[in-house]
Amino acid sequence: MREAKRRLDERRAEEARPIPRSRAERLRESKRRLEEEHQVECQANADYEAYRARGVMRDGRRFGAPPKPFEPPATPAGKINVTDPDSRNVKTPRGYMQGYNAQAAVNERQIVVAAEVNADSSDFGHLEPMLDAARTELAAAGITDQPGVVVADAGYWHQAQMESIVSQGIPVLIPPDAGKRRGTRPGWDGGPYAFMRRVLATELGNALYRKRQATVEPMFANTKFNRRIDRFQRRGRSACRSEWRLITATHNLLKLHRHHTALAAV
């Protein structure tokens, strides 16, 4: 079910339809999306039941006790925002808000290399997509060098994606435990979790990870507090993505302006 919803969300992101201005059209679009989500839910459930009915997993093992049967609702049971159907009720430090999750990849000089927008509350699953976006932007600028190391906070921990990146020769530094947590997360001990903790405890690993506090965090702080840009002015994923890229582009221009001004003053 989760995989089917993820594919639907990716397809909608690729389509990036503009949000209609007319309320009547937005209501019709919202109804269409709810019906589409209901259809995807029913189809995913039917596929899973057929998979279980075969009695054998993909690796050849047999299933244990059958799960409790799930009966999808007869009509769509979800909710949707009729002002901006692309947006979601995402969790923020200030509580839940209707909006988007703005992502950014920066270099060690606080220059934004890639900027994307999604409708997920968590950052889980967006590590590799953001790295791919950054490498695409670098290649478009004629830069062929690979990133020396990828550093992200605990929310980006995704073992499969981390292993994929490391297999490409790019080290990854992500703490398995959030800063506010006391002790290790239940079940997150041994194996790659213990290895990452040992790496971050070394002098080099700690020094590299601490750079994150002076690179991506100041960019977001400057945008939200100094520049007072803490909400999107447009509606729709495509429009908000363009707006976020404009915001990050002006951030880069201001950084370059201050850099050249400082050089001229010397």
Protein backbone atom coordinates (compact mmCIF):
# COMPACT_ATOMS: atom_id res chain seq x y z
CA MET A 1 0.00 0.00 0.00
CA ARG A 2 2.80 2.39 0.94
CA GLU A 3 4.69 1.64 -2.28
CA ALA A 4 1.58 2.21 -4.39
CA LYS A 5 0.98 5.60 -2.75
CA ARG A 6 4.62 6.52 -3.27
CA ARG A 7 4.39 5.75 -7.00
CA LEU A 8 1.20 7.81 -7.26
CA ASP A 9 2.87 10.74 -5.51
CA GLU A 10 5.90 10.51 -7.82
CA ARG A 11 3.65 10.48 -10.89
CA ARG A 12 1.79 13.55 -9.65
CA ALA A 13 5.09 15.29 -8.98
CA GLU A 14 6.21 14.59 -12.57
CA GLU A 15 2.92 15.87 -13.99
CA ALA A 16 3.06 19.02 -11.81
CA ARG A 17 -0.34 20.28 -12.87
CA PRO A 18 -1.11 23.94 -12.11
CA ILE A 19 -3.78 24.57 -9.46
CA PRO A 20 -7.00 25.89 -11.06
CA ARG A 21 -8.03 29.43 -10.11
CA SER A 22 -11.73 28.64 -10.07
CA ARG A 23 -13.00 27.12 -6.82
CA ALA A 24 -15.42 24.91 -8.76
CA GLU A 25 -12.55 23.53 -10.81
CA ARG A 26 -10.48 22.97 -7.66
CA LEU A 27 -13.38 21.04 -6.12
CA ARG A 28 -13.62 18.85 -9.21
CA GLU A 29 -9.86 18.28 -9.17
CA SER A 30 -9.95 17.41 -5.47
CA LYS A 31 -12.74 14.91 -6.10
CA ARG A 32 -10.78 13.36 -8.95
CA ARG A 33 -7.68 12.97 -6.75
CA LEU A 34 -9.60 11.39 -3.90
CA GLU A 35 -11.17 8.91 -6.30
CA GLU A 36 -7.75 8.20 -7.82
CA GLU A 37 -6.26 7.55 -4.37
CA HIS A 38 -9.17 5.24 -3.52
CA GLN A 39 -8.66 3.32 -6.76
CA VAL A 40 -4.93 2.95 -6.06
CA GLU A 41 -5.69 1.72 -2.54
CA CYS A 42 -8.15 -0.91 -3.80
CA GLN A 43 -5.79 -2.08 -6.54
CA ALA A 44 -2.82 -2.30 -4.16
CA ASN A 45 -4.89 -4.35 -1.70
CA ALA A 46 -6.04 -6.70 -4.48
CA ASP A 47 -2.43 -7.15 -5.68
CA TYR A 48 -1.23 -7.89 -2.15
CA GLU A 49 -3.97 -10.44 -1.53
CA ALA A 50 -3.09 -12.18 -4.80
CA TYR A 51 0.57 -12.18 -3.75
CA ARG A 52 -0.30 -13.73 -0.39
CA ALA A 53 -2.58 -16.27 -2.03
CA ARG A 54 0.41 -17.77 -3.84
CA GLY A 55 1.76 -18.75 -0.43
CA VAL A 56 5.41 -18.15 -1.34
CA MET A 57 7.56 -15.03 -0.89
CA ARG A 58 9.81 -13.66 -3.61
CA ASP A 59 12.82 -15.36 -2.00
CA GLY A 60 11.10 -18.76 -2.00
CA ARG A 61 10.12 -18.87 1.68
CA ARG A 62 6.57 -19.72 2.63
CA PHE A 63 4.31 -17.28 4.40
CA GLY A 64 3.32 -17.79 8.02
CA ALA A 65 -0.14 -17.17 9.37
CA PRO A 66 -2.33 -15.18 6.95
CA PRO A 67 -2.92 -11.54 7.92
CA LYS A 68 -6.29 -10.22 8.92
CA PRO A 69 -8.30 -9.47 5.77
CA PHE A 70 -8.48 -5.80 4.87
CA GLU A 71 -11.56 -4.39 3.21
CA PRO A 72 -10.99 -1.00 1.54
CA PRO A 73 -13.76 1.53 2.16
CA ALA A 74 -16.48 1.73 -0.45
CA THR A 75 -15.86 5.45 -0.97
CA PRO A 76 -12.74 7.63 -0.55
CA ALA A 77 -12.04 8.14 3.14
CA GLY A 78 -9.13 10.56 2.86
CA LYS A 79 -9.02 14.34 3.15
CA ILE A 80 -7.65 16.89 0.73
CA ASN A 81 -7.01 20.62 0.81
CA VAL A 82 -9.22 22.21 -1.84
CA THR A 83 -7.13 25.41 -1.94
CA ASP A 84 -3.92 23.54 -2.82
CA PRO A 85 -4.52 19.81 -3.44
CA ASP A 86 -0.78 19.21 -3.89
CA SER A 87 0.04 20.30 -0.34
CA ARG A 88 -0.10 18.15 2.78
CA ASN A 89 -0.50 18.67 6.52
CA VAL A 90 3.22 18.43 7.29
CA LYS A 91 4.86 18.38 10.71
CA THR A 92 7.06 21.39 11.52
CA PRO A 93 8.85 22.65 14.67
CA ARG A 94 5.83 24.90 15.18
CA GLY A 95 3.34 22.04 14.87
CA TYR A 96 1.39 20.75 11.88
CA MET A 97 0.89 23.15 8.99
CA GLN A 98 -0.56 22.85 5.52
CA GLY A 99 2.37 23.14 3.16
CA TYR A 100 5.49 21.53 1.73
CA ASN A 101 8.88 20.25 2.80
CA ALA A 102 11.59 22.43 1.24
CA GLN A 103 14.89 20.60 0.64
CA ALA A 104 18.30 22.06 -0.18
CA ALA A 105 21.81 20.78 -0.83
CA VAL A 106 24.63 23.25 -0.20
CA ASN A 107 28.40 23.22 -0.47
CA GLU A 108 30.84 24.14 2.28
CA ARG A 109 30.52 27.85 1.39
CA GLN A 110 26.73 27.92 1.92
CA ILE A 111 26.04 28.06 -1.83
CA VAL A 112 22.84 26.19 -2.67
CA VAL A 113 23.55 23.57 -5.32
CA ALA A 114 20.11 21.94 -5.53
CA ALA A 115 16.65 22.91 -4.24
CA GLU A 116 13.58 20.70 -4.32
CA VAL A 117 10.10 20.60 -2.77
CA ASN A 118 8.05 17.60 -1.65
CA ALA A 119 4.92 17.04 0.41
CA ASP A 120 6.36 14.64 3.00
CA SER A 121 6.64 15.52 6.68
CA SER A 122 9.86 13.58 7.15
CA ASP A 123 13.15 13.74 5.23
CA PHE A 124 13.31 9.93 5.08
CA GLY A 125 13.83 8.69 1.55
CA HIS A 126 15.09 12.00 0.13
CA LEU A 127 18.83 11.55 0.68
CA GLU A 128 19.68 9.97 -2.67
CA PRO A 129 17.20 12.07 -4.70
CA MET A 130 18.77 15.26 -3.33
CA LEU A 131 22.27 13.99 -4.09
CA ASP A 132 21.17 13.10 -7.64
CA ALA A 133 19.64 16.58 -8.02
CA ALA A 134 22.87 18.19 -6.82
CA ARG A 135 24.99 16.16 -9.22
CA THR A 136 22.65 17.01 -12.08
CA GLU A 137 22.98 20.72 -11.34
CA LEU A 138 26.78 20.45 -11.03
CA ALA A 139 27.00 18.58 -14.34
CA ALA A 140 24.87 21.27 -16.01
CA ALA A 141 27.37 23.85 -14.72
CA GLY A 142 30.26 21.87 -16.22
CA ILE A 143 31.53 20.52 -12.88
CA THR A 144 32.44 16.85 -13.14
CA ASP A 145 33.98 16.40 -9.68
CA GLN A 146 32.02 14.15 -7.34
CA PRO A 147 31.08 15.34 -3.83
CA GLY A 148 33.79 14.51 -1.32
CA VAL A 149 31.34 13.55 1.45
CA VAL A 150 27.59 13.71 2.05
CA VAL A 151 26.50 15.04 5.45
CA ALA A 152 22.88 15.12 6.63
CA ASP A 153 20.90 15.05 9.86
CA ALA A 154 19.34 11.97 11.44
CA GLY A 155 16.05 12.38 9.58
CA TYR A 156 17.74 11.38 6.32
CA TRP A 157 18.88 7.98 7.62
CA HIS A 158 17.91 5.50 4.89
CA GLN A 159 20.19 2.49 4.94
CA ALA A 160 19.54 1.30 1.38
CA GLN A 161 20.15 4.77 -0.07
CA MET A 162 23.22 5.29 2.11
CA GLU A 163 24.71 1.99 0.94
CA SER A 164 23.96 2.93 -2.67
CA ILE A 165 25.79 6.25 -2.29
CA VAL A 166 28.77 4.67 -0.53
CA SER A 167 29.02 2.08 -3.31
CA GLN A 168 29.60 5.02 -5.70
CA GLY A 169 32.66 6.05 -3.71
CA ILE A 170 31.03 8.90 -1.74
CA PRO A 171 31.23 8.65 2.07
CA VAL A 172 28.04 9.38 4.01
CA LEU A 173 27.87 10.82 7.52
CA ILE A 174 24.42 10.66 9.13
CA PRO A 175 23.89 10.11 12.87
CA PRO A 176 21.42 7.31 13.60
CA ASP A 177 20.16 9.21 16.65
CA ALA A 178 18.48 12.61 16.67
CA GLY A 179 20.11 15.28 18.81
CA LYS A 180 17.13 15.48 21.18
CA ARG A 181 17.10 11.74 21.87
CA ARG A 182 18.74 10.40 25.00
CA GLY A 183 20.47 7.12 24.22
CA THR A 184 20.02 4.99 21.12
CA ARG A 185 16.78 4.54 19.26
CA PRO A 186 15.11 1.20 20.16
CA GLY A 187 16.25 -1.47 17.71
CA TRP A 188 18.89 0.79 16.18
CA ASP A 189 21.97 -0.83 17.65
CA GLY A 190 24.84 -2.87 16.25
CA GLY A 191 25.68 -3.24 12.55
CA PRO A 192 25.66 -0.01 10.51
CA TYR A 193 24.25 2.00 13.43
CA ALA A 194 27.16 1.17 15.73
CA PHE A 195 29.63 1.66 12.86
CA MET A 196 28.29 5.15 12.11
CA ARG A 197 28.44 6.11 15.78
CA ARG A 198 32.10 5.03 15.89
CA VAL A 199 32.88 7.03 12.75
CA LEU A 200 31.21 10.17 14.10
CA ALA A 201 33.08 9.76 17.37
CA THR A 202 36.45 10.01 15.59
CA GLU A 203 38.19 13.36 15.29
CA LEU A 204 37.81 13.48 11.50
CA GLY A 205 34.21 12.25 11.47
CA ASN A 206 33.17 14.72 14.15
CA ALA A 207 34.94 17.61 12.40
CA LEU A 208 33.26 16.81 9.07
CA TYR A 209 29.81 16.47 10.57
CA ARG A 210 30.15 19.68 12.56
CA LYS A 211 30.56 21.56 9.27
CA ARG A 212 26.87 20.99 8.66
CA GLN A 213 26.11 23.54 11.40
CA ALA A 214 28.01 26.16 9.39
CA THR A 215 26.70 25.29 5.93
CA VAL A 216 23.07 24.25 5.44
CA GLU A 217 21.67 25.37 8.81
CA PRO A 218 22.71 29.05 8.38
CA MET A 219 21.15 29.06 4.90
CA PHE A 220 17.75 28.06 6.26
CA ALA A 221 18.09 30.41 9.25
CA ASN A 222 19.03 33.35 7.03
CA THR A 223 16.11 32.63 4.71
CA LYS A 224 13.45 32.25 7.39
CA PHE A 225 14.57 34.78 10.00
CA ASN A 226 16.80 37.42 8.39
CA ARG A 227 15.00 37.52 5.05
CA ARG A 228 11.65 36.65 6.67
CA ILE A 229 10.72 34.14 4.00
CA ASP A 230 8.84 31.50 5.96
CA ARG A 231 5.94 30.65 3.66
CA PHE A 232 5.21 30.21 -0.04
CA GLN A 233 3.17 32.82 -1.85
CA ARG A 234 1.99 30.50 -4.63
CA ARG A 235 -0.08 27.33 -4.80
CA GLY A 236 0.75 23.97 -6.33
CA ARG A 237 3.88 21.82 -6.12
CA SER A 238 5.31 23.10 -9.40
CA ALA A 239 4.75 26.77 -8.51
CA CYS A 240 6.18 26.36 -5.00
CA ARG A 241 9.17 24.50 -6.40
CA SER A 242 9.87 27.40 -8.77
CA GLU A 243 9.42 29.87 -5.91
CA TRP A 244 11.82 27.90 -3.67
CA ARG A 245 14.42 27.80 -6.43
CA LEU A 246 14.07 31.55 -6.90
CA ILE A 247 14.55 32.05 -3.15
CA THR A 248 17.70 29.90 -3.11
CA ALA A 249 19.02 31.56 -6.28
CA THR A 250 18.72 35.00 -4.68
CA HIS A 251 20.44 33.57 -1.59
CA ASN A 252 23.38 32.61 -3.82
CA LEU A 253 23.41 36.01 -5.51
CA LEU A 254 23.50 37.79 -2.15
CA LYS A 255 26.39 35.57 -1.03
CA LEU A 256 28.32 36.36 -4.21
CA HIS A 257 27.55 40.08 -3.90
CA ARG A 258 28.85 40.23 -0.33
CA HIS A 259 31.92 38.25 -1.35
CA HIS A 260 32.81 40.64 -4.20
CA THR A 261 32.04 43.69 -2.03
CA ALA A 262 34.41 42.40 0.63
CA LEU A 263 37.14 41.83 -1.96
CA ALA A 264 36.67 45.33 -3.38
CA ALA A 265 37.01 46.83 0.12
CA VAL A 266 40.39 45.16 0.74
